[in-house]
Amino acid sequence: MAKTNKQENKPLEQLLFLTADKLRKNIDAAEYKSYVLGLLFLKYVSDAFEVLHKKILNKEGDYAYDDPEDKLVYSAEYVFFVPEHARWNYIVSRAKLATIGEDVDTAMDLIEKENPKIRGVLFKQFAQSKLDKVTLGELIDVINNMNLGDEAAQRKDLFGVVYEYFLGQFALAEGRKGGQFYTPRSVVSLLVEMLQPLKGKIFDPCCGSGGMFIMSEKFVEQHQGKIDDISIYGQESNQTTWKLCVMNLAIRSIDPEQVKWNSEGSFLKDAHPDLKADIIIANPPFNISDWGGELLKSDGRWKFGVPPVGNANYAWLQHFIYHLAPKGRAGVVLSKGALTTKQNGEYEIRRNMVDAGVIDCIINLPTKLFLNTQIPACLWFLNRDEKRLRKGEVLFIDARNMGHLINRRTRDFNESDLAQISETYHHWLNSREQYQDVTGFCKSCTIDEIKSMDYVLTPGRYIGLPDDDGDFNFAEVFNELKTQLSHQMEEEAILNDRIKLSLGKLQEVDNE
C-alpha cells in the first residue's frame, strides 16, 4: 500500500491502525476490535514460535537434541506451539484467496487445541459474510511487515505497545462502553506506583482487558523483582472483554488460569470467595444500579453497612476490603460523588470505614483522564494493616491541576506527575521525617479532623483549597456539550442524505 510522506512519519502502531480501520465498514466497533486483535495475536504467537523452531532445527546450544515438533519443548519456554496450517507464513500465502476467512478461523482452532489455557478464547468469525475478504487480505499483508514476536520485538514489548494502543483507540471508538475494558495507562501506572506490587496475590474483580495485571508485571521487572513472586486473580462479567484479557496475559507468559469469567459478576457469583489478596487494584464501573443488591442485603461482605440497592460504589469498597489479607492494601477508582454522598446509608458506611481506620489515602483526580466518562473521579487507597505507622490518619492529595492535555478530549499524567504523587504517599506511609503537608496539594488528617468535617472525604476541604464546587467549570462543560451536539447534528445530516438517496433509488426502481 502506498504511503504519503505524512503517513511515513507516523509511529508503526498508528499506521497499522489506519489500515485496520478499513475493516470497520459494516462491523460494529465492539466486534471490529476482536478481528484486529485476533490477527495481531496470531502473528505474535507465530513469530515467537518461529524463533524457537529455527533454533531447534539448527540444533543451537541447549536445543541440540530436541525435536522441533515436540510441544513440551515450547511450553517449557513459555512459547505457544503453532501447528503448520496456523503459522503466519501459511496464512499470508492464502491472503488473496476467497477462503482466507475460513483459513484464519481454522488457524485459531488449531492453536486453541494445542494450547489448552486459551481454549475457547480466540475469536473465530473471520469467515462470516459481512467481513470484506479483500480488506482482510490487505490487513494481513500490512501485519506481515511487522515482527511482533521475534527476540528484538520481545525485548521492546512491541506487541504490548501495539495491543495497548489498539485497545485505547477501540475504547475511544466505543465511547462510554470503551471504559468497560480499558483504564487509561496513566491511571493504571499511578495505582501501581502507589501500591508497588512486588510480592503476593494480586486481585482485580472487575479486570477488563487486564491492564492492571500487565502494569504490575512491568513494575516487578523494572524493580528487579521476580515474576514468580506474584500471582494474579481476576474476574470479568463481559465475555468478550475476558477473552481480550486472557490473550493479553497469555502472550506475556502470565498464567491466566485464575482469571475467571461469568455473566453474573463479582457480587452475585464471586469466583474467588476464599481469596485474601495482598494487593487489589481495580476500576469498577461507576454508580451501577443493576448489581443485584436486592438479593444480597444480608451478605457477609457488608461489614460496615448494607450498601444501597441503587448504587454499587460502597458495595465495591466493602467487597475489596473483604478480600484483603490482614496486611493487604487496595487502590480503587471511584466516582467523586462517593466522597460526600449521604444517601441510602452510604454516609454511615463511609463513617464506619473512617472510624475503623481502613482508609489510607484519597486522591482527587483531574478531569478528562478517562475515555468513557466525564464524571469526576477519585482514587481510594485502603489498608488493613493494623500496625502501620499512619493507622488513624488519612492522607489527602489534590491532583486536579496536574497532568497535561494530549488532545481536546484527553488528559494524561507524565512521569514527573506520577513520581510526585506516589513519592508523597510513600514518604507519608513509611516515615514521619520525610513527609510534610503542602498547602494546596496534600495534608495528613486525623480521624477527629475528618469527624469535624462530618466525614466528608473531599481533599479540597482539608488542604487549603475551596470546596469542590470549583471543579464544575460551566463554560468548559457547556462548550463540550455544544461541540458534541454539533457533531451529532452533522452525523444526522449525513445520515438523512443517505436515506434520501436510498429512497430516491427505490423510487426510480418503482417507476421502472
Protein backbone atom coordinates (compact mmCIF):
# COMPACT_ATOMS: atom_id res chain seq x y z
CA MET A 1 0.00 0.00 0.00
CA ALA A 2 1.42 3.38 -1.00
CA LYS A 3 2.07 5.80 1.84
CA THR A 4 2.24 9.56 1.84
CA ASN A 5 5.12 11.37 3.49
CA LYS A 6 2.76 12.34 6.27
CA GLN A 7 1.93 8.69 6.87
CA GLU A 8 5.57 7.61 6.84
CA ASN A 9 6.25 9.87 9.83
CA LYS A 10 3.59 8.16 11.92
CA PRO A 11 4.57 5.52 14.51
CA LEU A 12 4.19 1.93 13.34
CA GLU A 13 1.15 1.20 15.51
CA GLN A 14 -0.69 4.26 14.13
CA LEU A 15 -0.02 3.22 10.53
CA LEU A 16 -1.31 -0.25 11.33
CA PHE A 17 -4.44 1.16 12.95
CA LEU A 18 -5.18 3.36 9.92
CA THR A 19 -5.07 0.27 7.73
CA ALA A 20 -7.03 -1.85 10.17
CA ASP A 21 -9.67 0.87 10.36
CA LYS A 22 -10.70 -0.05 6.80
CA LEU A 23 -12.21 -3.23 8.23
CA ARG A 24 -14.87 -1.36 10.16
CA LYS A 25 -17.37 -0.62 7.36
CA ASN A 26 -20.48 -2.55 8.38
CA ILE A 27 -18.94 -4.04 11.52
CA ASP A 28 -19.77 -2.75 15.00
CA ALA A 29 -16.77 -1.27 16.84
CA ALA A 30 -17.13 -3.75 19.71
CA GLU A 31 -16.84 -6.65 17.26
CA TYR A 32 -14.29 -4.98 15.00
CA LYS A 33 -11.63 -4.96 17.69
CA SER A 34 -11.90 -8.74 18.03
CA TYR A 35 -10.93 -9.25 14.37
CA VAL A 36 -7.90 -6.97 14.52
CA LEU A 37 -6.58 -8.04 17.91
CA GLY A 38 -7.12 -11.67 16.92
CA LEU A 39 -4.89 -11.26 13.85
CA LEU A 40 -2.23 -9.45 15.89
CA PHE A 41 -2.28 -12.31 18.40
CA LEU A 42 -1.93 -14.87 15.59
CA LYS A 43 1.08 -13.00 14.16
CA TYR A 44 2.73 -12.66 17.57
CA VAL A 45 2.48 -16.33 18.60
CA SER A 46 3.63 -17.45 15.16
CA ASP A 47 6.68 -15.14 15.23
CA ALA A 48 7.66 -16.33 18.70
CA PHE A 49 7.19 -19.95 17.65
CA GLU A 50 9.36 -19.50 14.54
CA VAL A 51 12.24 -18.07 16.58
CA LEU A 52 12.39 -21.14 18.81
CA HIS A 53 11.54 -23.53 15.96
CA LYS A 54 14.53 -22.28 13.98
CA LYS A 55 16.89 -22.70 16.95
CA ILE A 56 15.77 -26.31 17.37
CA LEU A 57 16.10 -27.03 13.64
CA ASN A 58 19.62 -25.55 13.69
CA LYS A 59 20.48 -27.56 16.82
CA GLU A 60 21.63 -24.44 18.64
CA GLY A 61 23.02 -24.73 22.17
CA ASP A 62 20.68 -26.44 24.63
CA TYR A 63 18.34 -27.38 21.78
CA ALA A 64 20.82 -29.69 20.04
CA TYR A 65 18.88 -32.84 20.87
CA ASP A 66 15.30 -31.51 20.86
CA ASP A 67 12.59 -32.42 18.37
CA PRO A 68 11.25 -29.32 16.55
CA GLU A 69 7.70 -30.76 16.72
CA ASP A 70 7.86 -31.65 20.45
CA LYS A 71 5.22 -29.45 22.10
CA LEU A 72 6.79 -29.83 25.54
CA VAL A 73 9.93 -28.02 24.40
CA TYR A 74 7.86 -24.96 23.50
CA SER A 75 5.73 -24.97 26.65
CA ALA A 76 8.90 -25.19 28.78
CA GLU A 77 10.00 -21.90 27.17
CA TYR A 78 6.52 -20.31 27.55
CA VAL A 79 6.06 -20.32 23.77
CA PHE A 80 2.80 -21.33 22.09
CA PHE A 81 3.08 -24.39 19.85
CA VAL A 82 1.72 -23.34 16.42
CA PRO A 83 0.65 -26.13 14.00
CA GLU A 84 1.75 -25.83 10.38
CA HIS A 85 -1.58 -24.55 8.98
CA ALA A 86 -1.80 -21.89 11.71
CA ARG A 87 1.66 -20.42 11.07
CA TRP A 88 1.72 -16.91 9.75
CA ASN A 89 3.58 -17.73 6.55
CA TYR A 90 0.81 -20.14 5.61
CA ILE A 91 -1.87 -17.51 6.32
CA VAL A 92 -0.01 -14.92 4.22
CA SER A 93 0.25 -17.37 1.32
CA ARG A 94 -3.57 -17.57 1.29
CA ALA A 95 -4.35 -13.90 1.94
CA LYS A 96 -5.60 -13.24 -1.61
CA LEU A 97 -7.89 -16.28 -1.73
CA ALA A 98 -11.64 -16.06 -1.24
CA THR A 99 -11.31 -18.66 1.53
CA ILE A 100 -8.97 -16.56 3.71
CA GLY A 101 -11.69 -16.13 6.35
CA GLU A 102 -12.09 -19.88 6.75
CA ASP A 103 -8.29 -20.29 6.82
CA VAL A 104 -7.93 -17.82 9.72
CA ASP A 105 -10.77 -19.47 11.67
CA THR A 106 -9.08 -22.85 11.19
CA ALA A 107 -5.76 -21.42 12.39
CA MET A 108 -7.41 -20.12 15.57
CA ASP A 109 -8.98 -23.53 16.18
CA LEU A 110 -5.67 -25.32 15.72
CA ILE A 111 -3.83 -23.01 18.15
CA GLU A 112 -6.52 -23.45 20.81
CA LYS A 113 -6.37 -27.25 20.51
CA GLU A 114 -2.62 -27.25 21.05
CA ASN A 115 -2.68 -24.69 23.92
CA PRO A 116 -5.39 -25.59 26.46
CA LYS A 117 -5.04 -22.42 28.57
CA ILE A 118 -6.58 -20.34 25.79
CA ARG A 119 -9.17 -22.86 24.64
CA GLY A 120 -12.43 -21.11 23.80
CA VAL A 121 -10.79 -17.68 23.93
CA LEU A 122 -9.69 -16.83 20.38
CA PHE A 123 -12.08 -15.05 18.01
CA LYS A 124 -13.25 -17.31 15.17
CA GLN A 125 -15.73 -15.46 12.94
CA PHE A 126 -13.48 -14.38 10.08
CA ALA A 127 -15.49 -16.45 7.59
CA GLN A 128 -18.77 -14.60 8.12
CA SER A 129 -20.18 -12.86 5.07
CA LYS A 130 -20.23 -9.28 6.36
CA LEU A 131 -16.43 -9.21 6.60
CA ASP A 132 -14.84 -7.91 3.37
CA LYS A 133 -12.28 -10.60 2.43
CA VAL A 134 -10.29 -8.23 0.18
CA THR A 135 -9.77 -5.82 3.07
CA LEU A 136 -8.95 -8.75 5.38
CA GLY A 137 -6.23 -9.83 2.94
CA GLU A 138 -4.85 -6.26 2.84
CA LEU A 139 -4.74 -6.14 6.63
CA ILE A 140 -2.86 -9.46 6.74
CA ASP A 141 -0.32 -8.05 4.26
CA VAL A 142 0.26 -4.98 6.46
CA ILE A 143 0.63 -7.04 9.64
CA ASN A 144 3.04 -9.26 7.74
CA ASN A 145 5.52 -6.36 7.62
CA MET A 146 5.75 -6.29 11.40
CA ASN A 147 7.96 -8.51 13.52
CA LEU A 148 5.88 -8.78 16.67
CA GLY A 149 7.31 -11.85 18.35
CA ASP A 150 10.98 -12.13 17.37
CA GLU A 151 13.63 -11.59 20.04
CA ALA A 152 14.23 -7.89 19.28
CA ALA A 153 10.48 -7.16 19.32
CA GLN A 154 10.03 -9.05 22.59
CA ARG A 155 12.78 -7.02 24.25
CA LYS A 156 10.89 -3.85 23.27
CA ASP A 157 7.49 -5.43 24.07
CA LEU A 158 6.40 -4.30 20.61
CA PHE A 159 3.29 -6.45 20.69
CA GLY A 160 2.36 -4.93 24.06
CA VAL A 161 2.77 -1.41 22.67
CA VAL A 162 0.61 -2.16 19.62
CA TYR A 163 -2.01 -4.08 21.63
CA GLU A 164 -2.38 -1.31 24.21
CA TYR A 165 -2.52 1.39 21.52
CA PHE A 166 -5.31 -0.50 19.76
CA LEU A 167 -7.24 -1.03 22.99
CA GLY A 168 -7.12 2.73 23.60
CA GLN A 169 -8.27 3.51 20.06
CA PHE A 170 -11.10 0.99 20.28
CA ALA A 171 -12.15 2.46 23.65
CA LEU A 172 -12.31 5.90 22.02
CA ALA A 173 -14.36 4.48 19.15
CA GLU A 174 -16.83 2.84 21.52
CA GLY A 175 -17.14 5.93 23.72
CA ARG A 176 -18.82 5.23 27.04
CA LYS A 177 -18.76 1.45 26.52
CA GLY A 178 -14.99 1.57 25.94
CA GLY A 179 -14.34 2.08 29.62
CA GLN A 180 -15.62 -1.42 30.30
CA PHE A 181 -12.40 -2.93 29.03
CA TYR A 182 -9.82 -0.15 29.19
CA THR A 183 -8.44 2.01 32.01
CA PRO A 184 -6.06 4.73 30.75
CA ARG A 185 -2.41 3.86 31.13
CA SER A 186 -1.56 6.86 33.34
CA VAL A 187 -4.27 5.93 35.87
CA VAL A 188 -3.10 2.31 35.98
CA SER A 189 0.51 3.49 36.34
CA LEU A 190 -0.40 5.69 39.30
CA LEU A 191 -2.25 2.88 41.06
CA VAL A 192 0.68 0.52 40.55
CA GLU A 193 3.29 3.08 41.66
CA MET A 194 1.27 3.73 44.82
CA LEU A 195 0.77 0.05 45.70
CA GLN A 196 4.13 -1.33 44.47
CA PRO A 197 3.02 -4.94 43.88
CA LEU A 198 6.32 -6.83 44.20
CA LYS A 199 5.10 -9.93 46.04
CA GLY A 200 1.97 -11.86 46.86
CA LYS A 201 -1.51 -12.29 45.45
CA ILE A 202 -2.82 -9.54 43.18
CA PHE A 203 -6.57 -9.35 42.62
CA ASP A 204 -8.85 -7.38 40.29
CA PRO A 205 -12.51 -8.47 40.50
CA CYS A 206 -13.52 -6.30 37.51
CA CYS A 207 -10.38 -6.80 35.46
CA GLY A 208 -11.38 -5.62 31.97
CA SER A 209 -8.65 -6.42 29.44
CA GLY A 210 -6.02 -7.00 32.16
CA GLY A 211 -4.15 -3.68 32.18
CA MET A 212 -3.71 -3.73 35.97
CA PHE A 213 -2.02 -7.14 35.80
CA ILE A 214 0.26 -6.16 32.91
CA MET A 215 1.43 -2.99 34.62
CA SER A 216 2.04 -4.90 37.85
CA GLU A 217 4.26 -7.35 35.99
CA LYS A 218 6.19 -4.46 34.41
CA PHE A 219 6.65 -2.89 37.83
CA VAL A 220 8.16 -6.12 39.16
CA GLU A 221 10.56 -6.33 36.21
CA GLN A 222 11.60 -2.67 36.49
CA HIS A 223 12.41 -3.11 40.17
CA GLN A 224 14.45 -6.30 39.70
CA GLY A 225 11.81 -8.41 41.38
CA LYS A 226 10.83 -11.96 40.45
CA ILE A 227 7.71 -12.54 38.38
CA ASP A 228 7.21 -15.84 40.20
CA ASP A 229 6.76 -13.87 43.44
CA ILE A 230 3.37 -12.59 42.30
CA SER A 231 0.24 -14.49 41.34
CA ILE A 232 -2.83 -12.94 39.76
CA TYR A 233 -6.53 -13.48 40.34
CA GLY A 234 -9.31 -11.80 38.42
CA GLN A 235 -12.93 -11.83 37.39
CA GLU A 236 -14.81 -10.26 34.46
CA SER A 237 -18.52 -10.38 33.59
CA ASN A 238 -18.22 -9.42 29.90
CA GLN A 239 -17.11 -12.49 27.93
CA THR A 240 -15.56 -10.58 25.01
CA THR A 241 -13.57 -8.42 27.43
CA TRP A 242 -12.48 -11.50 29.38
CA LYS A 243 -11.16 -13.03 26.15
CA LEU A 244 -9.15 -9.86 25.46
CA CYS A 245 -7.70 -10.17 28.96
CA VAL A 246 -6.69 -13.83 28.56
CA MET A 247 -4.99 -13.05 25.23
CA ASN A 248 -3.27 -10.03 26.77
CA LEU A 249 -1.90 -12.16 29.60
CA ALA A 250 -1.08 -15.25 27.55
CA ILE A 251 1.27 -13.52 25.12
CA ARG A 252 3.25 -12.20 28.10
CA SER A 253 3.55 -15.67 29.65
CA ILE A 254 1.35 -14.64 32.58
CA ASP A 255 -0.81 -17.56 33.70
CA PRO A 256 -4.48 -16.60 33.10
CA GLU A 257 -5.89 -19.67 34.82
CA GLN A 258 -7.20 -17.76 37.86
CA VAL A 259 -8.83 -15.02 35.77
CA LYS A 260 -12.45 -16.14 35.59
CA TRP A 261 -15.48 -15.20 33.52
CA ASN A 262 -19.10 -15.46 34.49
CA SER A 263 -22.02 -13.35 33.34
CA GLU A 264 -23.41 -12.87 36.85
CA GLY A 265 -20.48 -10.73 38.03
CA SER A 266 -18.43 -10.49 41.22
CA PHE A 267 -21.27 -9.68 43.62
CA LEU A 268 -23.71 -12.45 42.71
CA LYS A 269 -21.12 -15.09 41.85
CA ASP A 270 -17.78 -14.45 43.50
CA ALA A 271 -15.25 -16.58 41.58
CA HIS A 272 -12.72 -16.41 44.43
CA PRO A 273 -14.85 -16.49 47.60
CA ASP A 274 -12.00 -17.53 49.91
CA LEU A 275 -9.24 -15.36 48.39
CA LYS A 276 -7.37 -12.99 50.69
CA ALA A 277 -5.23 -10.80 48.45
CA ASP A 278 -2.12 -8.82 49.29
CA ILE A 279 -2.88 -6.20 46.64
CA ILE A 280 -6.19 -5.26 45.00
CA ILE A 281 -6.14 -2.89 42.01
CA ALA A 282 -9.49 -2.08 40.42
CA ASN A 283 -11.52 0.33 38.32
CA PRO A 284 -15.12 -0.81 38.89
CA PRO A 285 -17.93 0.68 36.80
CA PHE A 286 -19.18 3.92 38.39
CA ASN A 287 -22.57 4.18 40.10
CA ILE A 288 -24.08 0.98 38.67
CA SER A 289 -27.64 0.30 39.82
CA ASP A 290 -28.27 -3.23 38.47
CA TRP A 291 -25.71 -5.05 40.59
CA GLY A 292 -28.11 -7.41 42.41
CA GLY A 293 -28.19 -5.56 45.72
CA GLU A 294 -31.78 -6.57 46.48
CA LEU A 295 -30.60 -10.21 46.65
CA LEU A 296 -27.61 -9.54 48.91
CA LYS A 297 -28.92 -7.45 51.80
CA SER A 298 -27.68 -9.96 54.41
CA ASP A 299 -24.37 -10.74 52.68
CA GLY A 300 -21.36 -11.28 54.95
CA ARG A 301 -19.23 -8.81 52.98
CA TRP A 302 -21.14 -5.80 54.32
CA LYS A 303 -19.04 -5.30 57.45
CA PHE A 304 -19.55 -1.53 57.54
CA GLY A 305 -23.20 -1.35 56.48
CA VAL A 306 -25.61 -2.58 53.82
CA PRO A 307 -24.96 -0.76 50.51
CA PRO A 308 -27.95 0.75 48.71
CA VAL A 309 -29.67 -1.29 46.02
CA GLY A 310 -29.43 1.61 43.55
CA ASN A 311 -25.66 2.22 43.65
CA ALA A 312 -22.79 -0.30 43.89
CA ASN A 313 -19.95 2.09 44.87
CA TYR A 314 -19.94 1.16 48.56
CA ALA A 315 -20.60 -2.48 47.72
CA TRP A 316 -17.37 -2.47 45.69
CA LEU A 317 -15.40 -0.86 48.54
CA GLN A 318 -16.60 -3.48 51.02
CA HIS A 319 -16.06 -6.30 48.50
CA PHE A 320 -12.42 -5.19 48.22
CA ILE A 321 -11.94 -4.94 51.99
CA TYR A 322 -13.47 -8.40 52.43
CA HIS A 323 -10.90 -9.85 50.02
CA LEU A 324 -7.84 -8.15 51.56
CA ALA A 325 -5.33 -10.16 53.60
CA PRO A 326 -4.64 -8.90 57.17
CA LYS A 327 -1.89 -6.60 55.85
CA GLY A 328 -3.37 -6.15 52.39
CA ARG A 329 -3.84 -2.86 50.53
CA ALA A 330 -6.16 -1.78 47.73
CA GLY A 331 -6.23 1.02 45.17
CA VAL A 332 -9.65 1.78 43.69
CA VAL A 333 -11.07 4.22 41.13
CA LEU A 334 -14.49 5.63 42.05
CA SER A 335 -16.75 8.49 41.09
CA LYS A 336 -16.08 11.55 43.25
CA GLY A 337 -19.65 11.59 44.49
CA ALA A 338 -18.74 8.69 46.80
CA LEU A 339 -16.62 11.11 48.88
CA THR A 340 -19.60 13.15 50.04
CA THR A 341 -22.82 11.18 49.48
CA LYS A 342 -25.29 10.92 52.36
CA GLN A 343 -27.94 8.89 50.55
CA ASN A 344 -29.35 5.47 51.42
CA GLY A 345 -26.93 4.56 54.18
CA GLU A 346 -23.75 5.47 52.25
CA TYR A 347 -22.84 8.15 54.81
CA GLU A 348 -22.99 5.58 57.63
CA ILE A 349 -20.80 3.13 55.69
CA ARG A 350 -18.20 5.85 54.99
CA ARG A 351 -18.25 6.96 58.64
CA ASN A 352 -17.75 3.38 59.84
CA MET A 353 -14.85 2.87 57.38
CA VAL A 354 -13.14 6.07 58.56
CA ASP A 355 -13.61 5.20 62.23
CA ALA A 356 -12.23 1.69 61.61
CA GLY A 357 -9.08 3.17 60.06
CA VAL A 358 -9.24 1.21 56.80
CA ILE A 359 -8.92 4.28 54.54
CA ASP A 360 -5.30 5.23 53.87
CA CYS A 361 -5.38 7.88 51.19
CA ILE A 362 -7.78 9.80 48.94
CA ILE A 363 -6.62 11.40 45.66
CA ASN A 364 -8.69 13.91 43.73
CA LEU A 365 -8.09 13.34 40.00
CA PRO A 366 -8.22 15.90 37.19
CA THR A 367 -10.93 15.82 34.54
CA LYS A 368 -10.55 14.18 31.11
CA LEU A 369 -8.37 11.27 32.27
CA PHE A 370 -10.99 8.71 31.32
CA LEU A 371 -12.24 7.89 27.84
CA ASN A 372 -15.67 6.67 28.88
CA THR A 373 -17.00 9.28 31.29
CA GLN A 374 -16.88 12.95 32.20
CA ILE A 375 -17.94 12.10 35.77
CA PRO A 376 -15.24 13.47 38.15
CA ALA A 377 -13.19 10.61 39.59
CA CYS A 378 -11.01 9.94 42.60
CA LEU A 379 -8.76 7.19 43.96
CA TRP A 380 -9.30 5.44 47.29
CA PHE A 381 -6.46 3.54 48.95
CA LEU A 382 -7.50 1.03 51.58
CA ASN A 383 -5.20 -0.61 54.14
CA ARG A 384 -5.89 -3.45 56.59
CA ASP A 385 -2.51 -3.36 58.34
CA GLU A 386 -3.36 -2.64 61.98
CA LYS A 387 0.29 -1.98 62.88
CA ARG A 388 1.09 0.54 60.16
CA LEU A 389 2.75 3.83 61.10
CA ARG A 390 -0.16 6.03 59.98
CA LYS A 391 -3.05 3.99 61.42
CA GLY A 392 -5.73 6.52 62.39
CA GLU A 393 -4.74 9.09 59.75
CA VAL A 394 -5.78 9.71 56.14
CA LEU A 395 -3.62 11.38 53.50
CA PHE A 396 -5.47 13.73 51.16
CA ILE A 397 -3.92 14.65 47.81
CA ASP A 398 -5.42 17.06 45.29
CA ALA A 399 -4.13 16.33 41.79
CA ARG A 400 -6.84 18.26 39.91
CA ASN A 401 -4.33 20.68 38.41
CA MET A 402 -1.81 18.02 37.39
CA GLY A 403 -1.37 16.28 34.05
CA HIS A 404 -1.42 17.74 30.54
CA LEU A 405 -3.88 17.64 27.63
CA ILE A 406 -2.76 15.36 24.80
CA ASN A 407 -5.80 16.39 22.73
CA ARG A 408 -9.05 18.25 23.26
CA ARG A 409 -10.70 15.29 24.99
CA THR A 410 -7.92 13.55 26.88
CA ARG A 411 -5.54 14.39 29.73
CA ASP A 412 -2.50 12.34 30.76
CA PHE A 413 -0.03 12.21 33.64
CA ASN A 414 3.68 12.41 32.86
CA GLU A 415 6.46 10.66 34.79
CA SER A 416 7.02 13.73 36.98
CA ASP A 417 3.33 13.81 37.99
CA LEU A 418 3.34 10.10 38.85
CA ALA A 419 6.54 10.45 40.87
CA GLN A 420 5.32 13.48 42.83
CA ILE A 421 2.06 11.82 43.85
CA SER A 422 3.44 8.34 44.62
CA GLU A 423 6.53 9.59 46.47
CA THR A 424 4.39 11.86 48.61
CA TYR A 425 2.28 8.85 49.59
CA HIS A 426 5.26 6.60 50.32
CA HIS A 427 7.03 9.28 52.40
CA TRP A 428 3.81 9.71 54.38
CA LEU A 429 3.19 5.97 54.77
CA ASN A 430 6.68 4.96 55.84
CA SER A 431 8.27 7.96 57.56
CA ARG A 432 7.33 10.89 59.75
CA GLU A 433 10.51 12.79 58.91
CA GLN A 434 10.33 12.82 55.11
CA TYR A 435 6.67 13.81 54.74
CA GLN A 436 5.35 17.38 55.02
CA ASP A 437 1.92 18.86 54.37
CA VAL A 438 1.86 21.13 51.30
CA THR A 439 -0.91 23.72 51.15
CA GLY A 440 -2.97 23.19 48.04
CA PHE A 441 -1.53 19.72 47.34
CA CYS A 442 -1.51 17.34 50.33
CA LYS A 443 -2.43 17.09 54.00
CA SER A 444 -2.42 14.30 56.58
CA CYS A 445 -5.54 14.37 58.77
CA THR A 446 -6.58 12.53 61.91
CA ILE A 447 -9.91 10.76 62.25
CA ASP A 448 -11.02 13.53 64.64
CA GLU A 449 -10.37 16.15 61.94
CA ILE A 450 -12.41 14.15 59.45
CA LYS A 451 -15.16 13.73 62.06
CA SER A 452 -15.28 17.50 62.50
CA MET A 453 -15.97 17.77 58.75
CA ASP A 454 -18.88 15.31 59.13
CA TYR A 455 -16.89 12.55 57.36
CA VAL A 456 -16.70 14.33 54.03
CA LEU A 457 -13.59 12.98 52.23
CA THR A 458 -13.15 15.67 49.57
CA PRO A 459 -9.42 16.61 49.61
CA GLY A 460 -10.17 20.30 48.96
CA ARG A 461 -11.86 20.53 52.38
CA TYR A 462 -8.59 19.78 54.15
CA ILE A 463 -5.65 21.01 52.11
CA GLY A 464 -6.48 24.71 51.85
CA LEU A 465 -8.47 24.99 48.62
CA PRO A 466 -12.13 25.94 48.12
CA ASP A 467 -14.83 23.29 48.04
CA ASP A 468 -15.11 21.03 45.04
CA ASP A 469 -17.82 23.28 43.65
CA GLY A 470 -14.90 24.87 41.85
CA ASP A 471 -14.48 21.62 39.91
CA PHE A 472 -17.51 22.45 37.82
CA ASN A 473 -16.42 24.72 35.01
CA PHE A 474 -19.69 25.77 33.39
CA ALA A 475 -18.05 27.29 30.31
CA GLU A 476 -15.95 24.18 29.70
CA VAL A 477 -18.86 21.78 30.14
CA PHE A 478 -21.17 23.96 28.00
CA ASN A 479 -18.61 24.13 25.18
CA GLU A 480 -18.05 20.38 25.37
CA LEU A 481 -21.76 19.69 25.11
CA LYS A 482 -22.13 22.22 22.29
CA THR A 483 -19.33 20.52 20.34
CA GLN A 484 -20.86 17.09 20.88
CA LEU A 485 -24.26 18.38 19.73
CA SER A 486 -22.67 19.92 16.63
CA HIS A 487 -21.01 16.59 15.74
CA GLN A 488 -24.28 14.73 16.29
CA MET A 489 -26.14 17.18 14.05
CA GLU A 490 -23.51 16.76 11.33
CA GLU A 491 -23.80 12.97 11.56
CA GLU A 492 -27.60 13.23 11.48
CA ALA A 493 -27.46 15.40 8.35
CA ILE A 494 -25.17 12.87 6.62
CA LEU A 495 -27.49 10.02 7.61
CA ASN A 496 -30.53 11.92 6.32
CA ASP A 497 -28.80 12.50 2.99
CA ARG A 498 -28.04 8.79 2.71
CA ILE A 499 -31.65 7.90 3.50
CA LYS A 500 -32.93 10.37 0.89
CA LEU A 501 -30.52 8.92 -1.68
CA SER A 502 -31.64 5.36 -0.93
CA LEU A 503 -35.32 6.35 -1.10
CA GLY A 504 -34.67 8.09 -4.40
CA LYS A 505 -33.15 4.92 -5.83
CA LEU A 506 -36.08 2.86 -4.61
CA GLN A 507 -38.47 5.35 -6.23
CA GLU A 508 -36.58 5.01 -9.53
CA VAL A 509 -36.95 1.24 -9.37
CA ASP A 510 -40.70 1.56 -8.69
CA ASN A 511 -41.11 3.94 -11.68
CA GLU A 512 -39.42 1.44 -13.96
